[in-house]
Amino acid sequence: YKLTNATLTNLNHDITLEFGNTSLGSLIIDGTLYSVSKYHIHAPSEHTVNGKHLAVKGHLVHRSEDNRLAVVAVMYTIGSIR
């Protein structure tokens, strides 16, 4: 991934960074190229780990040329993990 300009939007249920047509980065899954299209965060996380919601969960959304999605989720904590 590399530095690029983005548009930040508060959609009330999440905060989204959209990158437009800029080539931010990509990944390959089973031979299909997925390019980053946006990143959004949820606070608190919408899913749990060991039954607990974390402070923040980020989704790095990738899209293929045929419009399929691949999402990398990143779970964040504030302070130490217990």
C-alpha atoms as a PDB file:
ATOM      1  CA  TYR A   1       0.000   0.000   0.000  1.00  0.00           C
ATOM      2  CA  LYS A   2       1.173   3.538  -0.644  1.00  0.00           C
ATOM      3  CA  LEU A   3       0.292   7.110   0.272  1.00  0.00           C
ATOM      4  CA  THR A   4      -2.539   8.761  -1.647  1.00  0.00           C
ATOM      5  CA  ASN A   5      -5.264  11.382  -1.319  1.00  0.00           C
ATOM      6  CA  ALA A   6      -8.650  10.283  -0.014  1.00  0.00           C
ATOM      7  CA  THR A   7     -12.104  11.627   0.740  1.00  0.00           C
ATOM      8  CA  LEU A   8     -13.273  11.192   4.353  1.00  0.00           C
ATOM      9  CA  THR A   9     -17.029  10.804   4.869  1.00  0.00           C
ATOM     10  CA  ASN A  10     -19.020  10.256   8.072  1.00  0.00           C
ATOM     11  CA  LEU A  11     -21.924   7.957   7.141  1.00  0.00           C
ATOM     12  CA  ASN A  12     -23.204   7.778  10.762  1.00  0.00           C
ATOM     13  CA  HIS A  13     -22.812   3.976  10.922  1.00  0.00           C
ATOM     14  CA  ASP A  14     -19.150   4.206   9.879  1.00  0.00           C
ATOM     15  CA  ILE A  15     -16.443   6.630   8.799  1.00  0.00           C
ATOM     16  CA  THR A  16     -15.166   5.953   5.273  1.00  0.00           C
ATOM     17  CA  LEU A  17     -12.045   6.871   3.337  1.00  0.00           C
ATOM     18  CA  GLU A  18     -12.586   6.593  -0.427  1.00  0.00           C
ATOM     19  CA  PHE A  19      -9.611   6.599  -2.774  1.00  0.00           C
ATOM     20  CA  GLY A  20     -11.297   7.095  -6.165  1.00  0.00           C
ATOM     21  CA  ASN A  21      -9.384   5.725  -9.137  1.00  0.00           C
ATOM     22  CA  THR A  22      -5.984   6.093  -7.480  1.00  0.00           C
ATOM     23  CA  SER A  23      -3.899   2.923  -7.341  1.00  0.00           C
ATOM     24  CA  LEU A  24      -3.331   2.650  -3.587  1.00  0.00           C
ATOM     25  CA  GLY A  25      -2.410  -1.017  -3.553  1.00  0.00           C
ATOM     26  CA  SER A  26      -3.735  -4.469  -4.279  1.00  0.00           C
ATOM     27  CA  LEU A  27      -3.698  -8.136  -3.381  1.00  0.00           C
ATOM     28  CA  ILE A  28      -4.112 -11.348  -5.368  1.00  0.00           C
ATOM     29  CA  ILE A  29      -6.431 -14.157  -4.253  1.00  0.00           C
ATOM     30  CA  ASP A  30      -6.624 -17.353  -6.329  1.00  0.00           C
ATOM     31  CA  GLY A  31      -5.127 -15.512  -9.295  1.00  0.00           C
ATOM     32  CA  THR A  32      -7.599 -12.592  -9.143  1.00  0.00           C
ATOM     33  CA  LEU A  33      -6.284  -9.053  -8.629  1.00  0.00           C
ATOM     34  CA  TYR A  34      -8.198  -6.968  -6.057  1.00  0.00           C
ATOM     35  CA  SER A  35      -7.385  -3.249  -5.789  1.00  0.00           C
ATOM     36  CA  VAL A  36      -8.104  -1.128  -2.719  1.00  0.00           C
ATOM     37  CA  SER A  37     -11.285   0.905  -3.170  1.00  0.00           C
ATOM     38  CA  LYS A  38     -11.963   2.203   0.343  1.00  0.00           C
ATOM     39  CA  TYR A  39     -11.282   1.862   4.054  1.00  0.00           C
ATOM     40  CA  HIS A  40     -13.906   2.302   6.727  1.00  0.00           C
ATOM     41  CA  ILE A  41     -14.037   1.958  10.490  1.00  0.00           C
ATOM     42  CA  HIS A  42     -16.680   0.967  13.013  1.00  0.00           C
ATOM     43  CA  ALA A  43     -16.481   1.997  16.661  1.00  0.00           C
ATOM     44  CA  PRO A  44     -17.053  -0.160  18.563  1.00  0.00           C
ATOM     45  CA  SER A  45     -16.317  -3.234  16.462  1.00  0.00           C
ATOM     46  CA  GLU A  46     -19.369  -4.925  14.968  1.00  0.00           C
ATOM     47  CA  HIS A  47     -17.946  -8.396  15.711  1.00  0.00           C
ATOM     48  CA  THR A  48     -16.504  -9.798  18.925  1.00  0.00           C
ATOM     49  CA  VAL A  49     -13.343 -11.577  20.057  1.00  0.00           C
ATOM     50  CA  ASN A  50     -13.892 -13.945  22.974  1.00  0.00           C
ATOM     51  CA  GLY A  51     -17.355 -12.440  23.384  1.00  0.00           C
ATOM     52  CA  LYS A  52     -16.118  -8.843  23.659  1.00  0.00           C
ATOM     53  CA  HIS A  53     -16.401  -5.922  21.240  1.00  0.00           C
ATOM     54  CA  LEU A  54     -13.131  -4.152  20.550  1.00  0.00           C
ATOM     55  CA  ALA A  55     -12.769  -0.372  20.461  1.00  0.00           C
ATOM     56  CA  VAL A  56     -12.496  -0.134  16.667  1.00  0.00           C
ATOM     57  CA  LYS A  57     -12.666  -2.432  13.643  1.00  0.00           C
ATOM     58  CA  GLY A  58     -11.355  -1.341  10.243  1.00  0.00           C
ATOM     59  CA  HIS A  59     -12.237  -2.791   6.832  1.00  0.00           C
ATOM     60  CA  LEU A  60      -9.787  -2.399   3.960  1.00  0.00           C
ATOM     61  CA  VAL A  61     -12.115  -3.057   0.999  1.00  0.00           C
ATOM     62  CA  HIS A  62     -10.612  -4.385  -2.250  1.00  0.00           C
ATOM     63  CA  ARG A  63     -12.517  -4.747  -5.556  1.00  0.00           C
ATOM     64  CA  SER A  64     -11.704  -6.864  -8.625  1.00  0.00           C
ATOM     65  CA  GLU A  65     -12.279  -5.795 -12.238  1.00  0.00           C
ATOM     66  CA  ASP A  66     -15.417  -7.995 -12.311  1.00  0.00           C
ATOM     67  CA  ASN A  67     -16.693  -6.177  -9.178  1.00  0.00           C
ATOM     68  CA  ARG A  68     -16.020  -8.917  -6.595  1.00  0.00           C
ATOM     69  CA  LEU A  69     -14.951  -7.836  -3.103  1.00  0.00           C
ATOM     70  CA  ALA A  70     -12.178  -8.942  -0.776  1.00  0.00           C
ATOM     71  CA  VAL A  71     -12.144  -7.350   2.679  1.00  0.00           C
ATOM     72  CA  VAL A  72      -9.260  -7.334   5.144  1.00  0.00           C
ATOM     73  CA  ALA A  73     -10.489  -6.675   8.692  1.00  0.00           C
ATOM     74  CA  VAL A  74      -8.247  -5.080  11.324  1.00  0.00           C
ATOM     75  CA  MET A  75      -9.283  -5.138  14.975  1.00  0.00           C
ATOM     76  CA  TYR A  76      -7.975  -2.352  17.246  1.00  0.00           C
ATOM     77  CA  THR A  77      -7.750  -2.050  21.016  1.00  0.00           C
ATOM     78  CA  ILE A  78      -6.966   0.999  23.122  1.00  0.00           C
ATOM     79  CA  GLY A  79      -4.405   0.320  25.812  1.00  0.00           C
ATOM     80  CA  SER A  80      -3.215  -3.164  26.743  1.00  0.00           C
ATOM     81  CA  ILE A  81      -4.963  -6.399  25.766  1.00  0.00           C
ATOM     82  CA  ARG A  82      -6.292  -8.454  28.686  1.00  0.00           C
END
